[in-house]
Amino acid sequence: MTTSEIRLPLTPARVVAAAMALADADGLPALTMRRLAADLGVEPMSLYHHVPGKDQLLDGLAEAVLAEVATAVGAAVRDDDDWRTALRARCLAARTVMVRHRWAPGLLGSRRSIPAGLYPYYEEILATMVRGRLSYHLAHRAIHALGTMVLGFTQELFSPDSAGGTLDEEAAEADFAAMAEALPHLTAMVAAEVHDNAEDPLGWCDSQNEFEFTLDLLLQGLARAAER
């Protein structure tokens, strides 16, 4: 038997890794059990010995993403960082993972139960704020204010990307043109902020500059609240 003929044993970890590679290449909608089996060179039924079904596969994918986030955060946050520096570094480190896996924000928001990896993640966030002498009351408010930024992305109110769709720019422009007289301020703001969509890696109006501006604004406000 040649080296090329030796097949690595199928394991849950290998299945999830292949699913992640497939989603990175072609998007989450392309991830089917049949397509995944083909990429792994096995029969579709073989996968069910390692993942009971598609939902469990997606749960495993969510946990794998959170594990990457934890690793990225561990490399970015230093023990001697003050709480603001540590939280900022955490959010930006998480963002590098989300930009690498642009389907991940939508996946995390679609799970029926809270991924287990989120509990220790938020425990560390709370510990950071408590070490910075924020009360539990203020820390609770901070978690609400920061929202999904601690996971590296912002949850837009109207974002077809989060539902697996795309923004039709021509249709959107036509809509705004039709509403210009009735909604002058909204139309003016959109016109002023129009930019290349390539700047928004995680959905409409989620650029790195917008992310960092909002993050810094929130952290400054939380610091002032903690000093009162």
Protein backbone atom coordinates (compact mmCIF):
# COMPACT_ATOMS: atom_id res chain seq x y z
CA MET A 1 0.00 0.00 0.00
CA THR A 2 1.42 3.40 -0.99
CA THR A 3 1.41 6.49 1.20
CA SER A 4 -1.29 8.06 -1.01
CA GLU A 5 -3.52 5.02 -0.44
CA ILE A 6 -3.34 5.26 3.35
CA ARG A 7 -6.55 6.86 4.58
CA LEU A 8 -6.56 8.70 7.87
CA PRO A 9 -9.17 7.35 10.31
CA LEU A 10 -12.36 9.35 10.50
CA THR A 11 -12.85 11.12 13.84
CA PRO A 12 -15.28 13.81 15.04
CA ALA A 13 -12.43 16.32 15.06
CA ARG A 14 -11.50 15.50 11.46
CA VAL A 15 -15.13 15.77 10.37
CA VAL A 16 -15.49 19.21 11.97
CA ALA A 17 -12.18 20.40 10.50
CA ALA A 18 -13.31 19.35 7.02
CA ALA A 19 -16.66 21.07 7.56
CA MET A 20 -14.85 24.26 8.53
CA ALA A 21 -12.65 24.12 5.44
CA LEU A 22 -15.71 23.57 3.24
CA ALA A 23 -17.58 26.50 4.82
CA ASP A 24 -14.51 28.74 4.44
CA ALA A 25 -14.23 27.86 0.76
CA ASP A 26 -17.85 27.89 -0.36
CA GLY A 27 -19.95 29.30 2.47
CA LEU A 28 -22.13 27.66 5.08
CA PRO A 29 -25.06 26.94 2.70
CA ALA A 30 -22.72 24.64 0.73
CA LEU A 31 -22.14 22.48 3.82
CA THR A 32 -24.20 19.31 3.40
CA MET A 33 -23.51 15.86 4.74
CA ARG A 34 -23.21 14.52 1.19
CA ARG A 35 -20.75 17.23 0.11
CA LEU A 36 -18.75 16.81 3.31
CA ALA A 37 -18.55 13.05 2.81
CA ALA A 38 -17.30 13.58 -0.74
CA ASP A 39 -14.59 15.96 0.50
CA LEU A 40 -13.50 13.36 3.07
CA GLY A 41 -13.63 10.54 0.53
CA VAL A 42 -16.16 8.47 2.48
CA GLU A 43 -19.77 7.39 2.13
CA PRO A 44 -22.31 9.82 3.66
CA MET A 45 -23.51 7.19 6.14
CA SER A 46 -19.98 6.96 7.55
CA LEU A 47 -20.32 10.48 8.93
CA TYR A 48 -23.24 9.52 11.13
CA HIS A 49 -20.97 7.30 13.22
CA HIS A 50 -19.19 10.50 14.33
CA VAL A 51 -21.92 13.18 14.18
CA PRO A 52 -25.59 12.19 14.65
CA GLY A 53 -26.82 14.75 12.13
CA LYS A 54 -26.47 18.18 10.53
CA ASP A 55 -27.49 20.09 13.66
CA GLN A 56 -24.87 18.30 15.75
CA LEU A 57 -22.29 19.01 13.04
CA LEU A 58 -23.13 22.72 13.18
CA ASP A 59 -22.93 22.64 16.97
CA GLY A 60 -19.47 21.14 16.67
CA LEU A 61 -18.52 23.81 14.16
CA ALA A 62 -19.67 26.53 16.57
CA GLU A 63 -17.59 25.02 19.36
CA ALA A 64 -14.56 24.81 17.05
CA VAL A 65 -14.89 28.51 16.21
CA LEU A 66 -15.12 29.41 19.89
CA ALA A 67 -12.02 27.32 20.58
CA GLU A 68 -10.17 29.35 17.93
CA VAL A 69 -11.42 32.54 19.55
CA ALA A 70 -10.15 31.38 22.95
CA THR A 71 -6.74 30.60 21.45
CA ALA A 72 -6.55 33.97 19.71
CA VAL A 73 -7.56 35.80 22.88
CA GLY A 74 -5.03 33.86 24.94
CA ALA A 75 -2.27 35.04 22.62
CA ALA A 76 -3.46 38.66 22.58
CA VAL A 77 -4.29 39.38 26.22
CA ARG A 78 -1.48 39.76 28.75
CA ASP A 79 -1.77 39.12 32.47
CA ASP A 80 -0.69 42.67 33.32
CA ASP A 81 -3.20 44.39 31.00
CA ASP A 82 -5.69 46.72 32.69
CA TRP A 83 -9.34 45.77 32.19
CA ARG A 84 -9.97 48.17 29.29
CA THR A 85 -6.85 47.07 27.42
CA ALA A 86 -7.69 43.42 28.04
CA LEU A 87 -11.29 43.74 26.83
CA ARG A 88 -10.24 45.70 23.76
CA ALA A 89 -7.57 43.12 22.88
CA ARG A 90 -10.11 40.33 23.44
CA CYS A 91 -12.68 41.85 21.08
CA LEU A 92 -10.12 42.53 18.37
CA ALA A 93 -8.58 39.06 18.69
CA ALA A 94 -12.03 37.48 18.38
CA ARG A 95 -12.61 39.58 15.29
CA THR A 96 -9.59 38.08 13.53
CA VAL A 97 -11.27 34.68 13.87
CA MET A 98 -14.64 35.95 12.63
CA VAL A 99 -13.02 37.59 9.60
CA ARG A 100 -11.23 34.31 8.86
CA HIS A 101 -14.54 32.43 9.10
CA ARG A 102 -17.06 34.94 7.77
CA TRP A 103 -19.94 32.50 8.14
CA ALA A 104 -19.33 32.16 11.88
CA PRO A 105 -21.41 35.13 13.14
CA GLY A 106 -24.52 33.79 11.40
CA LEU A 107 -23.83 30.28 12.69
CA LEU A 108 -23.43 31.37 16.32
CA GLY A 109 -26.68 33.31 16.14
CA SER A 110 -28.57 30.33 14.74
CA ARG A 111 -27.87 27.72 17.43
CA ARG A 112 -30.86 26.53 19.44
CA SER A 113 -28.85 26.31 22.65
CA ILE A 114 -25.93 28.29 24.00
CA PRO A 115 -22.64 26.69 22.89
CA ALA A 116 -20.83 25.31 25.93
CA GLY A 117 -17.68 27.23 25.03
CA LEU A 118 -19.43 30.54 25.66
CA TYR A 119 -19.77 29.96 29.41
CA PRO A 120 -16.03 29.98 30.25
CA TYR A 121 -15.54 32.75 27.69
CA TYR A 122 -17.97 35.07 29.44
CA GLU A 123 -16.62 33.98 32.83
CA GLU A 124 -13.23 35.37 31.76
CA ILE A 125 -14.86 38.60 30.57
CA LEU A 126 -16.60 39.06 33.93
CA ALA A 127 -13.40 38.21 35.81
CA THR A 128 -11.57 40.88 33.82
CA MET A 129 -14.13 43.54 34.69
CA VAL A 130 -14.32 42.53 38.36
CA ARG A 131 -10.52 42.75 38.60
CA GLY A 132 -10.91 46.26 37.21
CA ARG A 133 -13.25 47.03 40.14
CA LEU A 134 -16.41 47.16 38.09
CA SER A 135 -19.41 46.05 40.12
CA TYR A 136 -21.43 43.06 38.97
CA HIS A 137 -24.26 45.48 38.20
CA LEU A 138 -22.06 47.55 35.88
CA ALA A 139 -20.46 44.41 34.42
CA HIS A 140 -23.93 43.13 33.55
CA ARG A 141 -24.72 46.38 31.79
CA ALA A 142 -21.36 46.22 30.02
CA ILE A 143 -22.12 42.78 28.60
CA HIS A 144 -25.43 44.07 27.26
CA ALA A 145 -23.77 47.17 25.81
CA LEU A 146 -20.91 45.31 24.15
CA GLY A 147 -23.22 42.62 22.80
CA THR A 148 -21.61 40.49 20.11
CA MET A 149 -18.54 42.75 19.96
CA VAL A 150 -16.89 40.49 22.55
CA LEU A 151 -17.15 37.77 19.90
CA GLY A 152 -15.63 39.99 17.23
CA PHE A 153 -18.60 41.24 15.22
CA THR A 154 -21.56 43.58 15.40
CA GLN A 155 -25.11 42.37 14.99
CA GLU A 156 -26.74 44.64 12.43
CA LEU A 157 -30.47 45.29 12.70
CA PHE A 158 -31.01 44.78 8.97
CA SER A 159 -28.43 42.39 7.59
CA PRO A 160 -29.34 39.85 4.92
CA ASP A 161 -25.87 38.36 5.31
CA SER A 162 -26.78 37.06 8.78
CA ALA A 163 -29.63 35.07 7.25
CA GLY A 164 -27.43 33.59 4.56
CA GLY A 165 -28.41 36.15 1.92
CA THR A 166 -26.66 39.08 0.31
CA LEU A 167 -27.33 42.78 0.00
CA ASP A 168 -28.61 43.75 -3.45
CA GLU A 169 -26.85 47.11 -3.83
CA GLU A 170 -28.82 48.26 -6.88
CA ALA A 171 -32.15 47.44 -5.23
CA ALA A 172 -31.07 49.19 -2.03
CA GLU A 173 -30.01 52.30 -3.93
CA ALA A 174 -33.34 52.36 -5.78
CA ASP A 175 -35.20 52.06 -2.48
CA PHE A 176 -33.32 54.96 -0.95
CA ALA A 177 -33.82 57.09 -4.05
CA ALA A 178 -37.57 56.47 -3.84
CA MET A 179 -37.60 57.35 -0.13
CA ALA A 180 -35.31 60.37 -0.35
CA GLU A 181 -38.08 62.94 0.10
CA ALA A 182 -39.79 61.09 2.96
CA LEU A 183 -36.57 60.12 4.76
CA PRO A 184 -34.10 62.94 4.09
CA HIS A 185 -31.80 62.33 7.09
CA LEU A 186 -31.53 58.58 6.58
CA THR A 187 -30.88 59.08 2.86
CA ALA A 188 -28.23 61.75 3.53
CA MET A 189 -26.46 59.58 6.10
CA VAL A 190 -26.32 56.57 3.77
CA ALA A 191 -25.08 58.77 0.91
CA ALA A 192 -22.33 60.18 3.15
CA GLU A 193 -21.24 56.76 4.36
CA VAL A 194 -21.30 54.85 1.06
CA HIS A 195 -18.10 52.87 0.62
CA ASP A 196 -16.77 49.73 -1.02
CA ASN A 197 -18.50 46.70 0.47
CA ALA A 198 -15.14 44.94 0.60
CA GLU A 199 -14.48 47.12 3.66
CA ASP A 200 -17.30 45.30 5.49
CA PRO A 201 -15.99 41.74 5.93
CA LEU A 202 -18.77 40.60 8.25
CA GLY A 203 -21.85 42.15 6.70
CA TRP A 204 -23.28 45.49 5.76
CA CYS A 205 -21.72 48.37 7.70
CA ASP A 206 -19.37 46.22 9.78
CA SER A 207 -15.99 47.65 8.84
CA GLN A 208 -12.92 47.48 11.04
CA ASN A 209 -13.05 51.24 11.58
CA GLU A 210 -16.69 51.16 12.68
CA PHE A 211 -15.99 48.21 14.97
CA GLU A 212 -13.05 49.89 16.70
CA PHE A 213 -14.85 53.25 16.98
CA THR A 214 -17.85 51.65 18.69
CA LEU A 215 -15.68 49.47 20.91
CA ASP A 216 -13.55 52.39 22.11
CA LEU A 217 -16.63 54.54 22.70
CA LEU A 218 -18.22 51.85 24.86
CA LEU A 219 -15.05 51.16 26.84
CA GLN A 220 -14.55 54.88 27.54
CA GLY A 221 -18.14 55.16 28.74
CA LEU A 222 -17.79 52.09 30.97
CA ALA A 223 -14.59 53.50 32.47
CA ARG A 224 -16.37 56.73 33.36
CA ALA A 225 -19.28 54.81 34.86
CA ALA A 226 -16.88 52.72 36.95
CA GLU A 227 -15.28 55.89 38.39
CA ARG A 228 -18.57 57.31 39.69
